[in-house]
Amino acid sequence: MDKTIKPIERLHGQIDLPGDKSISHRVVFIGGISGGNTSASNFLTAEDSLRTVSAFRDMGIDIEIKDKNIMIAGKGLKGLRKPDKELYLGNSGTTMRILPGILAGQNFEATLTGDESLSKRPMDRIIEPLRKMGVDIHSKNEKGFPPLVIKGGIIKPVEYATRVASAQVKSCILFAGLYAKNVTSVTEPFISRDHTERMLKFCGAKISRKHLTVSIEGKAELDGKKFFIPGDISAAAFFIAGACILEGSDITIRNIGLNATRTGFLDAIIKMGADVSIKKRTENPPEPYGDIRVRFRKLKSIVVEEKDIPLLIDEVPVLAVLASLAEGRTVIKGTGELRVKETDRIFSITENLKRMGVDIRAEDGNLIINGRKKRFAKAALNSFKDHRTAMSAAVAALYADGDCRIKDIECINTSFPEFFDILDYLK
């Protein structure tokens, strides 16, 4: 399905957003292997998070979803049952990369499959550490792509250093570490988002951090808890960006997650001169949240360092849109991980923005963007079947010099089905 986006003058109003996707996934992961009931409000009912729900239902976990509330009847660390069929995970890379850590400690074999896009994403980064922990795991694809087959068994603790800063890889190892005797540790080159650590600790896991190393003590049972899932800051980024580029804009986004490992986008745009203020900050464990107000202000170029990329990895596409209108040259370093997302996001970013007249290029793992002083050129754009590429294109189209048509926008449903409804509300 294609969609035509018309340019507008400004964004204005107050909104609430669906629950954070990363946290919604983890509520199900943790709730399914905890003792007793786990509940959460503001659960994200998008395709990706519902794939995780479906997988746990197929493994015998009772899960009820009503409106945006979820209730999970956990059965403990080893309470999952062997599924009657392969577990189809659609496009959810989060489920594909984290769930094997939990399956590693079960007493059965399971196969994880995905759609065409997910079946092209590398899984060696979890296969290697799990094998070091004694897990029988292999890819049915010789290149290390899904489907994955995991046979649970006895888990050995490990001290593992990851080559990339990935919250998914780290989480997979930490979940597997729950089933091992003694302590399992993961060391990253840079800090990645820490929702798993916060939520596991909240539910009773013995977990600690020292610099870039996170450690978990195995065999600790988890307790079901009640969660509030803050609004997704990665989803908020699209509306924040729109307010930054459309003169006269003034928006407030309520109850947004403010975890320091997720606010790299805010840090970057504040350096660019954006008018951003945070109010009503709440520190309730396990996740902080608050209200964000954004008003239009002209932006300047910056340099984003490689160490900061894990803290804004999902926002790089829309950050590139902002950089295209900032004064001067913006350099976003260390963007190689974006080539192995739902699509090659480096290609999709540069292709769409070039069509809109932007001077942008990828060079040695960096994005180099020279800001322009006028509206984007109207163009035919492509989502490349990637939700964040599609929403970034939609934001750019708001500031084009004519109507822009975006191809294949249905991919947005994987993470944010309400995107266009909320965008229309703010116009």
Protein backbone atom coordinates (compact mmCIF):
# COMPACT_ATOMS: atom_id res chain seq x y z
CA MET A 1 0.00 0.00 0.00
CA ASP A 2 1.28 3.46 -0.93
CA LYS A 3 0.50 6.78 0.76
CA THR A 4 0.70 10.39 -0.39
CA ILE A 5 2.00 12.91 2.15
CA LYS A 6 1.17 16.58 1.69
CA PRO A 7 3.46 19.31 3.07
CA ILE A 8 2.14 21.18 6.12
CA GLU A 9 3.00 24.36 8.04
CA ARG A 10 3.40 23.13 11.62
CA LEU A 11 2.66 20.50 14.28
CA HIS A 12 0.77 21.51 17.41
CA GLY A 13 -0.84 19.74 20.38
CA GLN A 14 -0.39 17.25 23.21
CA ILE A 15 -0.27 13.48 22.67
CA ASP A 16 0.28 10.16 24.39
CA LEU A 17 2.09 7.39 22.54
CA PRO A 18 1.88 3.57 22.57
CA GLY A 19 4.12 1.70 24.98
CA ASP A 20 7.82 1.23 24.35
CA LYS A 21 8.43 -1.68 21.99
CA SER A 22 11.58 -2.94 23.69
CA ILE A 23 9.94 -2.91 27.12
CA SER A 24 6.73 -4.52 25.83
CA HIS A 25 8.73 -7.46 24.46
CA ARG A 26 10.59 -7.86 27.72
CA VAL A 27 7.43 -7.80 29.83
CA VAL A 28 6.40 -10.97 27.98
CA PHE A 29 9.86 -12.58 28.12
CA ILE A 30 10.15 -12.00 31.86
CA GLY A 31 6.49 -12.56 32.71
CA GLY A 32 6.44 -15.93 30.97
CA ILE A 33 9.31 -17.32 33.08
CA SER A 34 8.40 -15.63 36.38
CA GLY A 35 6.43 -17.15 39.20
CA GLY A 36 2.89 -15.78 39.56
CA ASN A 37 1.21 -13.08 37.54
CA THR A 38 2.88 -10.26 35.65
CA SER A 39 0.80 -7.34 34.41
CA ALA A 40 1.51 -4.17 32.48
CA SER A 41 -0.42 -1.15 31.31
CA ASN A 42 0.21 0.67 28.01
CA PHE A 43 1.40 -2.52 26.30
CA LEU A 44 2.26 -2.08 22.62
CA THR A 45 -0.18 -4.08 20.50
CA ALA A 46 1.87 -3.89 17.29
CA GLU A 47 2.85 -6.83 15.09
CA ASP A 48 6.35 -7.29 16.53
CA SER A 49 5.37 -7.42 20.21
CA LEU A 50 2.37 -9.62 19.41
CA ARG A 51 4.76 -12.13 17.80
CA THR A 52 6.41 -12.51 21.19
CA VAL A 53 3.00 -12.97 22.79
CA SER A 54 2.08 -15.63 20.23
CA ALA A 55 5.35 -17.52 20.80
CA PHE A 56 4.78 -17.73 24.55
CA ARG A 57 1.15 -18.76 24.10
CA ASP A 58 2.40 -21.55 21.84
CA MET A 59 4.64 -22.64 24.72
CA GLY A 60 1.78 -22.93 27.20
CA ILE A 61 1.70 -19.47 28.81
CA ASP A 62 -1.72 -17.92 29.40
CA ILE A 63 -1.68 -14.30 28.25
CA GLU A 64 -4.67 -11.97 28.23
CA ILE A 65 -4.66 -8.61 26.45
CA LYS A 66 -7.50 -6.14 26.91
CA ASP A 67 -7.21 -2.68 25.43
CA LYS A 68 -3.57 -1.81 26.26
CA ASN A 69 -3.35 -3.96 29.39
CA ILE A 70 -1.63 -7.34 29.47
CA MET A 71 -1.77 -10.11 32.08
CA ILE A 72 0.68 -13.01 31.97
CA ALA A 73 0.37 -16.13 34.12
CA GLY A 74 4.00 -17.12 34.53
CA LYS A 75 5.14 -20.69 35.16
CA GLY A 76 8.68 -20.15 36.39
CA LEU A 77 12.08 -20.48 34.76
CA LYS A 78 11.48 -23.96 33.35
CA GLY A 79 7.70 -23.84 32.99
CA LEU A 80 7.49 -23.50 29.21
CA ARG A 81 6.29 -26.50 27.22
CA LYS A 82 7.43 -27.77 23.86
CA PRO A 83 5.50 -26.01 21.07
CA ASP A 84 3.48 -28.16 18.68
CA LYS A 85 4.90 -26.31 15.66
CA GLU A 86 7.67 -23.99 14.58
CA LEU A 87 7.47 -20.58 16.24
CA TYR A 88 6.90 -18.00 13.49
CA LEU A 89 8.20 -14.58 14.57
CA GLY A 90 7.30 -12.49 11.53
CA ASN A 91 9.65 -9.50 11.30
CA SER A 92 10.57 -9.35 14.99
CA GLY A 93 14.34 -9.34 15.30
CA THR A 94 14.02 -8.69 19.03
CA THR A 95 12.16 -11.98 19.54
CA MET A 96 14.49 -13.92 17.25
CA ARG A 97 17.61 -12.75 19.05
CA ILE A 98 16.46 -12.79 22.69
CA LEU A 99 14.13 -15.81 22.91
CA PRO A 100 16.94 -18.37 22.25
CA GLY A 101 18.48 -17.38 25.58
CA ILE A 102 15.30 -18.51 27.35
CA LEU A 103 14.87 -21.61 25.19
CA ALA A 104 18.44 -22.60 26.08
CA GLY A 105 17.30 -23.48 29.59
CA GLN A 106 14.17 -25.45 28.67
CA ASN A 107 13.82 -29.23 28.36
CA PHE A 108 12.80 -29.36 24.70
CA GLU A 109 13.78 -28.44 21.16
CA ALA A 110 12.18 -25.53 19.30
CA THR A 111 12.58 -23.96 15.87
CA LEU A 112 12.27 -20.22 15.27
CA THR A 113 11.34 -18.90 11.83
CA GLY A 114 10.61 -15.46 10.41
CA ASP A 115 9.51 -13.58 7.32
CA GLU A 116 11.71 -12.94 4.29
CA SER A 117 13.36 -9.88 5.85
CA LEU A 118 14.09 -11.48 9.22
CA SER A 119 15.45 -14.56 7.45
CA LYS A 120 18.26 -12.38 6.08
CA ARG A 121 19.44 -11.01 9.42
CA PRO A 122 22.66 -12.38 11.01
CA MET A 123 22.27 -14.65 14.04
CA ASP A 124 25.89 -15.78 14.52
CA ARG A 125 26.21 -13.04 17.15
CA ILE A 126 23.91 -15.04 19.47
CA ILE A 127 24.83 -18.52 18.21
CA GLU A 128 28.48 -18.10 19.20
CA PRO A 129 28.01 -17.11 22.87
CA LEU A 130 25.21 -19.64 23.41
CA ARG A 131 27.42 -22.43 22.08
CA LYS A 132 30.14 -21.32 24.50
CA MET A 133 27.51 -21.83 27.21
CA GLY A 134 26.95 -25.39 26.03
CA VAL A 135 23.72 -24.73 24.14
CA ASP A 136 22.80 -26.93 21.18
CA ILE A 137 21.83 -24.21 18.69
CA HIS A 138 22.26 -24.03 14.94
CA SER A 139 21.00 -22.20 11.89
CA LYS A 140 19.26 -24.09 9.11
CA ASN A 141 20.86 -21.56 6.77
CA GLU A 142 24.54 -21.99 6.06
CA LYS A 143 25.08 -18.23 6.33
CA GLY A 144 23.90 -18.12 9.94
CA PHE A 145 20.46 -16.69 9.19
CA PRO A 146 17.11 -17.98 10.54
CA PRO A 147 15.50 -20.47 10.92
CA LEU A 148 17.20 -21.27 14.24
CA VAL A 149 16.93 -24.60 16.06
CA ILE A 150 17.55 -24.56 19.83
CA LYS A 151 17.65 -27.66 22.02
CA GLY A 152 17.60 -26.79 25.71
CA GLY A 153 19.88 -28.43 28.24
CA ILE A 154 22.50 -27.81 30.91
CA ILE A 155 23.90 -24.26 30.70
CA LYS A 156 27.44 -23.25 31.63
CA PRO A 157 28.26 -19.72 32.82
CA VAL A 158 30.40 -17.61 30.52
CA GLU A 159 32.41 -14.40 30.49
CA TYR A 160 31.70 -13.05 27.03
CA ALA A 161 32.86 -9.90 25.24
CA THR A 162 30.59 -8.85 22.37
CA ARG A 163 32.03 -7.38 19.18
CA VAL A 164 29.11 -4.96 18.80
CA ALA A 165 27.10 -3.07 21.40
CA SER A 166 23.75 -4.83 21.05
CA ALA A 167 21.03 -4.92 23.68
CA GLN A 168 19.52 -7.96 21.94
CA VAL A 169 22.75 -9.99 22.09
CA LYS A 170 23.41 -8.92 25.68
CA SER A 171 19.85 -9.81 26.70
CA CYS A 172 20.04 -13.24 25.08
CA ILE A 173 23.18 -14.09 27.08
CA LEU A 174 21.76 -12.70 30.34
CA PHE A 175 18.56 -14.73 29.98
CA ALA A 176 20.61 -17.86 29.32
CA GLY A 177 22.68 -16.98 32.38
CA LEU A 178 19.55 -17.33 34.53
CA TYR A 179 19.76 -21.08 33.88
CA ALA A 180 23.48 -21.49 34.63
CA LYS A 181 25.19 -22.11 37.94
CA ASN A 182 27.27 -19.22 39.26
CA VAL A 183 27.81 -15.94 37.39
CA THR A 184 27.54 -15.10 33.69
CA SER A 185 28.91 -11.77 32.47
CA VAL A 186 28.70 -9.77 29.24
CA THR A 187 31.14 -7.00 28.31
CA GLU A 188 30.27 -4.59 25.49
CA PRO A 189 32.47 -2.13 23.58
CA PHE A 190 29.94 0.62 24.40
CA ILE A 191 26.87 0.78 26.63
CA SER A 192 23.64 -0.37 24.94
CA ARG A 193 20.05 0.02 26.17
CA ASP A 194 19.61 -1.57 29.59
CA HIS A 195 15.90 -2.44 29.85
CA THR A 196 16.64 -6.14 30.39
CA GLU A 197 18.95 -5.47 33.34
CA ARG A 198 16.53 -3.06 34.98
CA MET A 199 13.52 -5.32 34.56
CA LEU A 200 15.25 -8.53 35.62
CA LYS A 201 16.55 -6.83 38.77
CA PHE A 202 13.06 -5.44 39.48
CA CYS A 203 11.73 -9.02 39.34
CA GLY A 204 14.35 -10.47 41.69
CA ALA A 205 17.34 -11.42 39.55
CA LYS A 206 20.78 -10.92 41.07
CA ILE A 207 22.30 -8.60 38.50
CA SER A 208 25.04 -5.98 38.64
CA ARG A 209 27.07 -3.67 36.41
CA LYS A 210 30.71 -2.61 36.54
CA HIS A 211 31.65 -0.18 33.78
CA LEU A 212 30.88 -1.98 30.48
CA THR A 213 30.30 -5.39 32.08
CA VAL A 214 26.93 -6.72 33.24
CA SER A 215 26.79 -9.85 35.41
CA ILE A 216 23.92 -12.11 36.41
CA GLU A 217 23.83 -14.89 39.00
CA GLY A 218 22.02 -17.98 37.80
CA LYS A 219 19.29 -20.08 39.38
CA ALA A 220 17.47 -17.09 40.91
CA GLU A 221 13.69 -17.41 40.49
CA LEU A 222 11.83 -14.37 39.20
CA ASP A 223 8.71 -12.84 40.75
CA GLY A 224 5.78 -11.56 38.71
CA LYS A 225 5.43 -7.78 38.95
CA LYS A 226 3.22 -4.93 37.81
CA PHE A 227 4.68 -2.60 35.18
CA PHE A 228 3.79 0.71 33.60
CA ILE A 229 5.26 0.81 30.09
CA PRO A 230 6.25 4.39 29.18
CA GLY A 231 5.63 5.74 25.71
CA ASP A 232 8.22 4.71 23.13
CA ILE A 233 10.88 7.38 22.71
CA SER A 234 11.86 5.91 19.34
CA ALA A 235 8.29 6.48 18.18
CA ALA A 236 8.31 9.96 19.71
CA ALA A 237 11.41 10.85 17.69
CA PHE A 238 9.38 11.20 14.48
CA PHE A 239 7.03 13.81 15.94
CA ILE A 240 9.90 15.54 17.73
CA ALA A 241 11.73 15.79 14.41
CA GLY A 242 8.63 17.17 12.70
CA ALA A 243 8.34 19.89 15.34
CA CYS A 244 12.03 20.74 14.92
CA ILE A 245 11.75 21.41 11.17
CA LEU A 246 8.30 23.01 10.84
CA GLU A 247 8.30 26.67 11.87
CA GLY A 248 5.67 27.55 14.48
CA SER A 249 5.47 23.99 15.87
CA ASP A 250 4.86 23.38 19.57
CA ILE A 251 4.11 19.84 20.78
CA THR A 252 4.09 18.02 24.11
CA ILE A 253 4.45 14.23 24.33
CA ARG A 254 3.34 12.83 27.69
CA ASN A 255 4.73 9.93 29.72
CA ILE A 256 7.66 9.14 27.42
CA GLY A 257 10.45 6.82 28.53
CA LEU A 258 13.55 8.72 29.65
CA ASN A 259 15.96 5.84 30.23
CA ALA A 260 19.46 7.30 29.77
CA THR A 261 20.40 4.45 27.42
CA ARG A 262 17.58 5.53 25.08
CA THR A 263 17.86 9.33 25.09
CA GLY A 264 20.79 9.61 22.68
CA PHE A 265 18.49 11.16 20.08
CA LEU A 266 17.42 13.89 22.51
CA ASP A 267 21.05 14.53 23.45
CA ALA A 268 21.99 14.83 19.77
CA ILE A 269 19.25 17.27 18.79
CA ILE A 270 19.83 19.41 21.88
CA LYS A 271 23.44 19.76 20.68
CA MET A 272 21.98 20.81 17.34
CA GLY A 273 20.15 23.63 19.13
CA ALA A 274 16.67 22.10 19.35
CA ASP A 275 14.22 23.66 21.81
CA VAL A 276 13.48 20.64 24.03
CA SER A 277 12.32 20.68 27.65
CA ILE A 278 11.46 17.81 29.99
CA LYS A 279 8.80 18.11 32.68
CA LYS A 280 7.13 15.86 35.27
CA ARG A 281 10.06 13.44 35.34
CA THR A 282 9.16 10.32 37.32
CA GLU A 283 11.76 7.86 38.61
CA ASN A 284 9.47 4.92 39.43
CA PRO A 285 11.40 1.66 38.93
CA PRO A 286 12.24 0.06 36.69
CA GLU A 287 11.95 2.84 34.07
CA PRO A 288 11.97 6.66 34.32
CA TYR A 289 9.56 8.69 32.22
CA GLY A 290 8.20 12.21 31.81
CA ASP A 291 6.74 14.78 29.42
CA ILE A 292 8.71 16.26 26.53
CA ARG A 293 7.89 19.66 25.01
CA VAL A 294 9.43 20.55 21.63
CA ARG A 295 9.21 23.86 19.77
CA PHE A 296 10.63 24.88 16.43
CA ARG A 297 14.13 26.30 16.32
CA LYS A 298 16.70 26.35 13.51
CA LEU A 299 19.32 23.63 13.86
CA LYS A 300 23.08 23.48 13.39
CA SER A 301 25.27 20.56 12.34
CA ILE A 302 27.02 18.21 14.77
CA VAL A 303 29.30 15.17 14.83
CA VAL A 304 27.77 12.00 16.33
CA GLU A 305 30.50 9.69 17.65
CA GLU A 306 30.48 5.91 17.22
CA LYS A 307 30.15 5.35 20.98
CA ASP A 308 26.81 7.18 20.92
CA ILE A 309 25.25 5.09 18.14
CA PRO A 310 23.90 2.27 20.41
CA LEU A 311 21.95 4.95 22.34
CA LEU A 312 20.17 6.23 19.20
CA ILE A 313 20.46 3.31 16.77
CA ASP A 314 16.74 3.32 15.90
CA GLU A 315 16.62 7.10 15.47
CA VAL A 316 19.47 7.48 12.96
CA PRO A 317 17.09 7.57 9.94
CA VAL A 318 15.06 10.49 11.28
CA LEU A 319 18.19 12.18 12.68
CA ALA A 320 19.50 12.16 9.11
CA VAL A 321 16.34 14.03 8.06
CA LEU A 322 17.07 16.73 10.65
CA ALA A 323 20.73 16.90 9.62
CA SER A 324 19.60 17.52 6.04
CA LEU A 325 18.09 20.84 7.16
CA ALA A 326 20.75 21.84 9.71
CA GLU A 327 23.29 24.55 8.98
CA GLY A 328 26.63 23.01 8.00
CA ARG A 329 27.88 19.43 7.64
CA THR A 330 26.73 16.67 10.00
CA VAL A 331 28.76 13.49 10.38
CA ILE A 332 27.18 10.40 11.96
CA LYS A 333 29.96 7.91 12.67
CA GLY A 334 29.91 4.13 13.11
CA THR A 335 26.63 3.38 11.35
CA GLY A 336 27.54 -0.11 10.13
CA GLU A 337 24.90 -1.82 12.29
CA LEU A 338 22.18 -0.11 10.27
CA ARG A 339 23.06 -2.26 7.28
CA VAL A 340 21.68 -5.37 9.04
CA LYS A 341 18.33 -4.03 10.27
CA GLU A 342 14.96 -4.78 8.66
CA THR A 343 16.58 -3.40 5.52
CA ASP A 344 19.94 -1.82 4.77
CA ARG A 345 19.01 1.46 6.44
CA ILE A 346 22.15 3.23 5.23
CA PHE A 347 21.03 2.58 1.67
CA SER A 348 17.39 3.46 2.32
CA ILE A 349 18.28 6.70 4.13
CA THR A 350 20.65 7.93 1.44
CA GLU A 351 18.41 6.84 -1.44
CA ASN A 352 15.30 8.65 -0.20
CA LEU A 353 17.11 11.82 0.84
CA LYS A 354 19.04 12.00 -2.44
CA ARG A 355 15.72 11.83 -4.25
CA MET A 356 14.66 14.84 -2.17
CA GLY A 357 17.73 16.82 -3.22
CA VAL A 358 19.94 16.25 -0.17
CA ASP A 359 23.73 16.12 -0.41
CA ILE A 360 24.29 12.91 1.55
CA ARG A 361 26.76 10.07 1.24
CA ALA A 362 27.92 6.98 3.13
CA GLU A 363 31.69 6.75 3.50
CA ASP A 364 33.79 4.33 5.60
CA GLY A 365 30.88 3.46 7.89
CA ASN A 366 29.91 7.11 8.38
CA LEU A 367 26.99 9.18 7.11
CA ILE A 368 27.99 12.64 5.85
CA ILE A 369 25.16 15.12 5.31
CA ASN A 370 25.38 18.70 4.08
CA GLY A 371 22.41 20.72 5.23
CA ARG A 372 20.20 22.56 2.73
CA LYS A 373 18.54 25.95 3.16
CA LYS A 374 15.25 25.22 1.46
CA ARG A 375 12.42 22.69 1.56
CA PHE A 376 13.02 19.17 0.33
CA ALA A 377 12.23 18.46 -3.30
CA LYS A 378 9.02 16.51 -3.81
CA ALA A 379 9.82 12.93 -4.77
CA ALA A 380 8.63 9.36 -5.06
CA LEU A 381 9.94 7.67 -1.91
CA ASN A 382 10.29 4.05 -0.82
CA SER A 383 9.93 2.43 2.58
CA PHE A 384 12.03 -0.52 1.42
CA LYS A 385 9.57 -2.41 3.65
CA ASP A 386 11.20 -0.98 6.78
CA HIS A 387 9.02 0.79 9.35
CA ARG A 388 11.57 3.38 10.47
CA THR A 389 12.55 4.24 6.92
CA ALA A 390 8.85 4.72 6.08
CA MET A 391 8.15 7.01 9.06
CA SER A 392 11.34 9.02 8.46
CA ALA A 393 10.28 9.54 4.84
CA ALA A 394 6.86 10.71 6.03
CA VAL A 395 8.44 13.30 8.34
CA ALA A 396 10.68 14.60 5.55
CA ALA A 397 7.67 14.81 3.22
CA LEU A 398 5.97 17.22 5.64
CA TYR A 399 8.63 19.78 4.68
CA ALA A 400 8.75 19.11 0.93
CA ASP A 401 7.89 21.58 -1.82
CA GLY A 402 5.05 19.36 -3.03
CA ASP A 403 3.27 16.07 -2.44
CA CYS A 404 5.44 12.98 -1.88
CA ARG A 405 4.26 9.43 -2.39
CA ILE A 406 5.75 6.68 -0.19
CA LYS A 407 5.70 3.08 -1.41
CA ASP A 408 4.80 0.14 0.87
CA ILE A 409 3.87 1.92 4.10
CA GLU A 410 2.10 -1.09 5.67
CA CYS A 411 5.43 -2.07 7.28
CA ILE A 412 4.76 0.66 9.87
CA ASN A 413 2.31 -1.73 11.53
CA THR A 414 5.23 -3.79 12.87
CA SER A 415 5.93 -1.12 15.47
CA PHE A 416 3.48 1.80 15.29
CA PRO A 417 0.02 1.19 13.75
CA GLU A 418 -1.27 4.54 15.08
CA PHE A 419 1.48 6.62 13.47
CA PHE A 420 -0.58 8.38 10.79
CA ASP A 421 -3.58 8.89 13.08
CA ILE A 422 -1.40 10.71 15.62
CA LEU A 423 0.36 12.67 12.90
CA ASP A 424 -3.01 13.84 11.53
CA TYR A 425 -4.06 14.89 15.05
CA LEU A 426 -1.01 17.16 15.37
CA LYS A 427 -1.47 18.88 12.01
